[in-house]
Amino acid sequence: MSEGIVIVMIGVSTLLGALGLIGLLWGIKTGQFDDQSKFIDGARFDGEDALRDAVMMEEKKRKRQEKKKKDEKAYGPPD
């Protein structure tokens, strides 16, 4: 590659990196990443049924993982 192309590529990549950094700093400064009500709304709008379903799903997942481990231990290569 010619020297001019490399200089242009470095300049463009530096410009794009600087724009990304400026965008990130702007987002942080203006509070774009703050979600103060996320957890409060999650607790407020979840009912007992949803929580019960979540617990049941976790139990099923745990049982599947235990069964998978047990099946893996039970399998062994033939002697």
N, C-alpha and C. Protein backbone atom coordinates (compact mmCIF):
# COMPACT_ATOMS: atom_id res chain seq x y z
N MET A 1 0.85 -1.18 0.00
CA MET A 1 0.00 0.00 0.00
C MET A 1 0.89 1.23 0.00
N SER A 2 0.33 2.24 -0.55
CA SER A 2 1.12 3.46 -0.58
C SER A 2 1.02 4.18 0.77
N GLU A 3 1.97 5.04 0.99
CA GLU A 3 2.05 5.76 2.26
C GLU A 3 0.85 6.69 2.45
N GLY A 4 0.34 7.24 1.37
CA GLY A 4 -0.79 8.16 1.45
C GLY A 4 -2.06 7.45 1.91
N ILE A 5 -2.26 6.22 1.44
CA ILE A 5 -3.45 5.48 1.83
C ILE A 5 -3.41 5.14 3.33
N VAL A 6 -2.26 4.76 3.82
CA VAL A 6 -2.12 4.43 5.23
C VAL A 6 -2.40 5.66 6.09
N ILE A 7 -1.91 6.82 5.67
CA ILE A 7 -2.15 8.06 6.41
C ILE A 7 -3.64 8.39 6.44
N VAL A 8 -4.31 8.22 5.31
CA VAL A 8 -5.76 8.49 5.24
C VAL A 8 -6.50 7.51 6.14
N MET A 9 -6.13 6.23 6.10
CA MET A 9 -6.80 5.23 6.94
C MET A 9 -6.62 5.53 8.43
N ILE A 10 -5.42 5.93 8.82
CA ILE A 10 -5.18 6.29 10.22
C ILE A 10 -5.98 7.52 10.61
N GLY A 11 -6.05 8.50 9.73
CA GLY A 11 -6.82 9.71 10.01
C GLY A 11 -8.31 9.43 10.15
N VAL A 12 -8.84 8.61 9.24
CA VAL A 12 -10.28 8.29 9.29
C VAL A 12 -10.59 7.48 10.54
N SER A 13 -9.75 6.49 10.87
CA SER A 13 -10.01 5.68 12.06
C SER A 13 -9.91 6.52 13.33
N THR A 14 -8.97 7.45 13.38
CA THR A 14 -8.85 8.33 14.54
C THR A 14 -10.09 9.22 14.66
N LEU A 15 -10.58 9.73 13.54
CA LEU A 15 -11.77 10.58 13.54
C LEU A 15 -12.98 9.79 14.01
N LEU A 16 -13.15 8.57 13.51
CA LEU A 16 -14.29 7.75 13.93
C LEU A 16 -14.21 7.38 15.41
N GLY A 17 -13.01 7.07 15.87
CA GLY A 17 -12.83 6.77 17.29
C GLY A 17 -13.16 7.97 18.16
N ALA A 18 -12.74 9.14 17.73
CA ALA A 18 -13.03 10.36 18.49
C ALA A 18 -14.53 10.64 18.51
N LEU A 19 -15.21 10.43 17.38
CA LEU A 19 -16.66 10.62 17.34
C LEU A 19 -17.37 9.65 18.28
N GLY A 20 -16.91 8.40 18.31
CA GLY A 20 -17.50 7.43 19.23
C GLY A 20 -17.30 7.82 20.67
N LEU A 21 -16.11 8.30 21.00
CA LEU A 21 -15.82 8.73 22.36
C LEU A 21 -16.67 9.94 22.74
N ILE A 22 -16.81 10.88 21.82
CA ILE A 22 -17.65 12.06 22.08
C ILE A 22 -19.09 11.64 22.30
N GLY A 23 -19.57 10.69 21.48
CA GLY A 23 -20.95 10.20 21.64
C GLY A 23 -21.15 9.52 22.98
N LEU A 24 -20.18 8.71 23.41
CA LEU A 24 -20.28 8.04 24.70
C LEU A 24 -20.29 9.05 25.84
N LEU A 25 -19.40 10.02 25.80
CA LEU A 25 -19.35 11.04 26.86
C LEU A 25 -20.63 11.87 26.89
N TRP A 26 -21.19 12.17 25.71
CA TRP A 26 -22.45 12.92 25.66
C TRP A 26 -23.56 12.09 26.30
N GLY A 27 -23.61 10.80 25.98
CA GLY A 27 -24.65 9.94 26.53
C GLY A 27 -24.55 9.83 28.04
N ILE A 28 -23.35 9.75 28.56
CA ILE A 28 -23.16 9.68 30.01
C ILE A 28 -23.56 10.99 30.66
N LYS A 29 -23.16 12.11 30.03
CA LYS A 29 -23.44 13.43 30.60
C LYS A 29 -24.95 13.71 30.64
N THR A 30 -25.67 13.31 29.60
CA THR A 30 -27.10 13.62 29.54
C THR A 30 -27.97 12.55 30.20
N GLY A 31 -27.34 11.51 30.75
CA GLY A 31 -28.12 10.50 31.47
C GLY A 31 -28.80 9.48 30.59
N GLN A 32 -28.30 9.25 29.40
CA GLN A 32 -28.93 8.30 28.49
C GLN A 32 -28.86 6.86 29.02
N PHE A 33 -27.90 6.56 29.86
CA PHE A 33 -27.72 5.21 30.36
C PHE A 33 -28.31 5.01 31.74
N ASP A 34 -28.92 6.02 32.32
CA ASP A 34 -29.53 5.91 33.64
C ASP A 34 -30.94 5.35 33.51
N ASP A 35 -31.22 4.31 34.24
CA ASP A 35 -32.55 3.72 34.26
C ASP A 35 -32.92 3.49 35.72
N GLN A 36 -33.33 4.56 36.36
CA GLN A 36 -33.54 4.51 37.80
C GLN A 36 -34.80 3.75 38.18
N SER A 37 -35.76 3.65 37.28
CA SER A 37 -37.02 3.01 37.66
C SER A 37 -37.12 1.58 37.16
N LYS A 38 -36.07 1.04 36.58
CA LYS A 38 -36.13 -0.31 36.01
C LYS A 38 -36.48 -1.35 37.07
N PHE A 39 -35.74 -1.37 38.16
CA PHE A 39 -35.97 -2.40 39.16
C PHE A 39 -37.24 -2.13 39.95
N ILE A 40 -37.55 -0.87 40.17
CA ILE A 40 -38.77 -0.54 40.90
C ILE A 40 -39.99 -0.96 40.10
N ASP A 41 -39.99 -0.66 38.80
CA ASP A 41 -41.12 -1.06 37.95
C ASP A 41 -41.21 -2.57 37.84
N GLY A 42 -40.06 -3.25 37.80
CA GLY A 42 -40.08 -4.70 37.74
C GLY A 42 -40.74 -5.31 38.96
N ALA A 43 -40.45 -4.77 40.12
CA ALA A 43 -41.05 -5.29 41.35
C ALA A 43 -42.50 -4.86 41.47
N ARG A 44 -42.83 -3.69 40.98
CA ARG A 44 -44.17 -3.15 41.11
C ARG A 44 -45.16 -3.91 40.23
N PHE A 45 -44.77 -4.26 39.02
CA PHE A 45 -45.69 -4.85 38.06
C PHE A 45 -45.65 -6.37 38.02
N ASP A 46 -44.72 -6.99 38.73
CA ASP A 46 -44.70 -8.45 38.80
C ASP A 46 -45.68 -8.90 39.88
N GLY A 47 -46.51 -9.83 39.51
CA GLY A 47 -47.47 -10.35 40.47
C GLY A 47 -46.97 -11.64 41.08
N GLU A 48 -47.76 -12.18 41.99
CA GLU A 48 -47.41 -13.43 42.65
C GLU A 48 -47.32 -14.57 41.66
N ASP A 49 -48.22 -14.58 40.69
CA ASP A 49 -48.22 -15.65 39.69
C ASP A 49 -46.93 -15.65 38.88
N ALA A 50 -46.48 -14.48 38.49
CA ALA A 50 -45.25 -14.38 37.70
C ALA A 50 -44.04 -14.85 38.51
N LEU A 51 -44.01 -14.49 39.79
CA LEU A 51 -42.91 -14.92 40.64
C LEU A 51 -42.95 -16.43 40.87
N ARG A 52 -44.15 -16.98 41.05
CA ARG A 52 -44.29 -18.42 41.23
C ARG A 52 -43.83 -19.17 39.98
N ASP A 53 -44.21 -18.65 38.81
CA ASP A 53 -43.78 -19.25 37.55
C ASP A 53 -42.27 -19.21 37.40
N ALA A 54 -41.66 -18.11 37.80
CA ALA A 54 -40.21 -17.98 37.71
C ALA A 54 -39.52 -18.99 38.62
N VAL A 55 -40.04 -19.18 39.82
CA VAL A 55 -39.46 -20.16 40.74
C VAL A 55 -39.59 -21.56 40.17
N MET A 56 -40.75 -21.88 39.60
CA MET A 56 -40.95 -23.21 39.01
C MET A 56 -40.00 -23.44 37.84
N MET A 57 -39.80 -22.42 37.03
CA MET A 57 -38.89 -22.55 35.89
C MET A 57 -37.45 -22.78 36.37
N GLU A 58 -37.05 -22.09 37.42
CA GLU A 58 -35.71 -22.28 37.98
C GLU A 58 -35.54 -23.70 38.53
N GLU A 59 -36.57 -24.21 39.19
CA GLU A 59 -36.50 -25.57 39.72
C GLU A 59 -36.38 -26.59 38.59
N LYS A 60 -37.16 -26.41 37.53
CA LYS A 60 -37.08 -27.32 36.39
C LYS A 60 -35.70 -27.27 35.74
N LYS A 61 -35.15 -26.08 35.64
CA LYS A 61 -33.82 -25.92 35.06
C LYS A 61 -32.77 -26.63 35.91
N ARG A 62 -32.86 -26.47 37.22
CA ARG A 62 -31.92 -27.11 38.13
C ARG A 62 -32.03 -28.63 38.03
N LYS A 63 -33.26 -29.15 37.97
CA LYS A 63 -33.46 -30.59 37.86
C LYS A 63 -32.89 -31.13 36.55
N ARG A 64 -33.08 -30.39 35.46
CA ARG A 64 -32.52 -30.82 34.16
C ARG A 64 -31.01 -30.87 34.22
N GLN A 65 -30.40 -29.86 34.85
CA GLN A 65 -28.95 -29.83 34.96
C GLN A 65 -28.45 -30.98 35.82
N GLU A 66 -29.14 -31.28 36.92
CA GLU A 66 -28.74 -32.40 37.77
C GLU A 66 -28.86 -33.72 37.02
N LYS A 67 -29.95 -33.89 36.27
CA LYS A 67 -30.15 -35.11 35.50
C LYS A 67 -29.07 -35.24 34.44
N LYS A 68 -28.71 -34.14 33.81
CA LYS A 68 -27.68 -34.17 32.78
C LYS A 68 -26.34 -34.58 33.39
N LYS A 69 -26.01 -34.04 34.56
CA LYS A 69 -24.77 -34.41 35.23
C LYS A 69 -24.78 -35.89 35.60
N LYS A 70 -25.92 -36.37 36.10
CA LYS A 70 -26.05 -37.76 36.50
C LYS A 70 -25.89 -38.67 35.29
N ASP A 71 -26.51 -38.30 34.16
CA ASP A 71 -26.40 -39.10 32.94
C ASP A 71 -24.96 -39.11 32.43
N GLU A 72 -24.28 -37.98 32.55
CA GLU A 72 -22.89 -37.92 32.09
C GLU A 72 -21.99 -38.79 32.95
N LYS A 73 -22.29 -38.83 34.27
CA LYS A 73 -21.49 -39.66 35.16
C LYS A 73 -21.77 -41.15 34.91
N ALA A 74 -23.01 -41.46 34.58
CA ALA A 74 -23.40 -42.85 34.37
C ALA A 74 -22.78 -43.42 33.10
N TYR A 75 -22.51 -42.56 32.16
CA TYR A 75 -21.93 -43.02 30.89
C TYR A 75 -20.44 -43.22 31.05
N GLY A 76 -19.98 -44.33 30.56
CA GLY A 76 -18.55 -44.59 30.60
C GLY A 76 -18.18 -45.42 29.38
N PRO A 77 -16.99 -45.28 28.93
CA PRO A 77 -16.58 -46.05 27.77
C PRO A 77 -16.49 -47.54 28.13
N PRO A 78 -16.76 -48.41 27.18
CA PRO A 78 -16.67 -49.85 27.46
C PRO A 78 -15.24 -50.25 27.76
N ASP A 79 -15.09 -51.20 28.64
CA ASP A 79 -13.76 -51.68 29.01
C ASP A 79 -13.24 -52.70 28.02
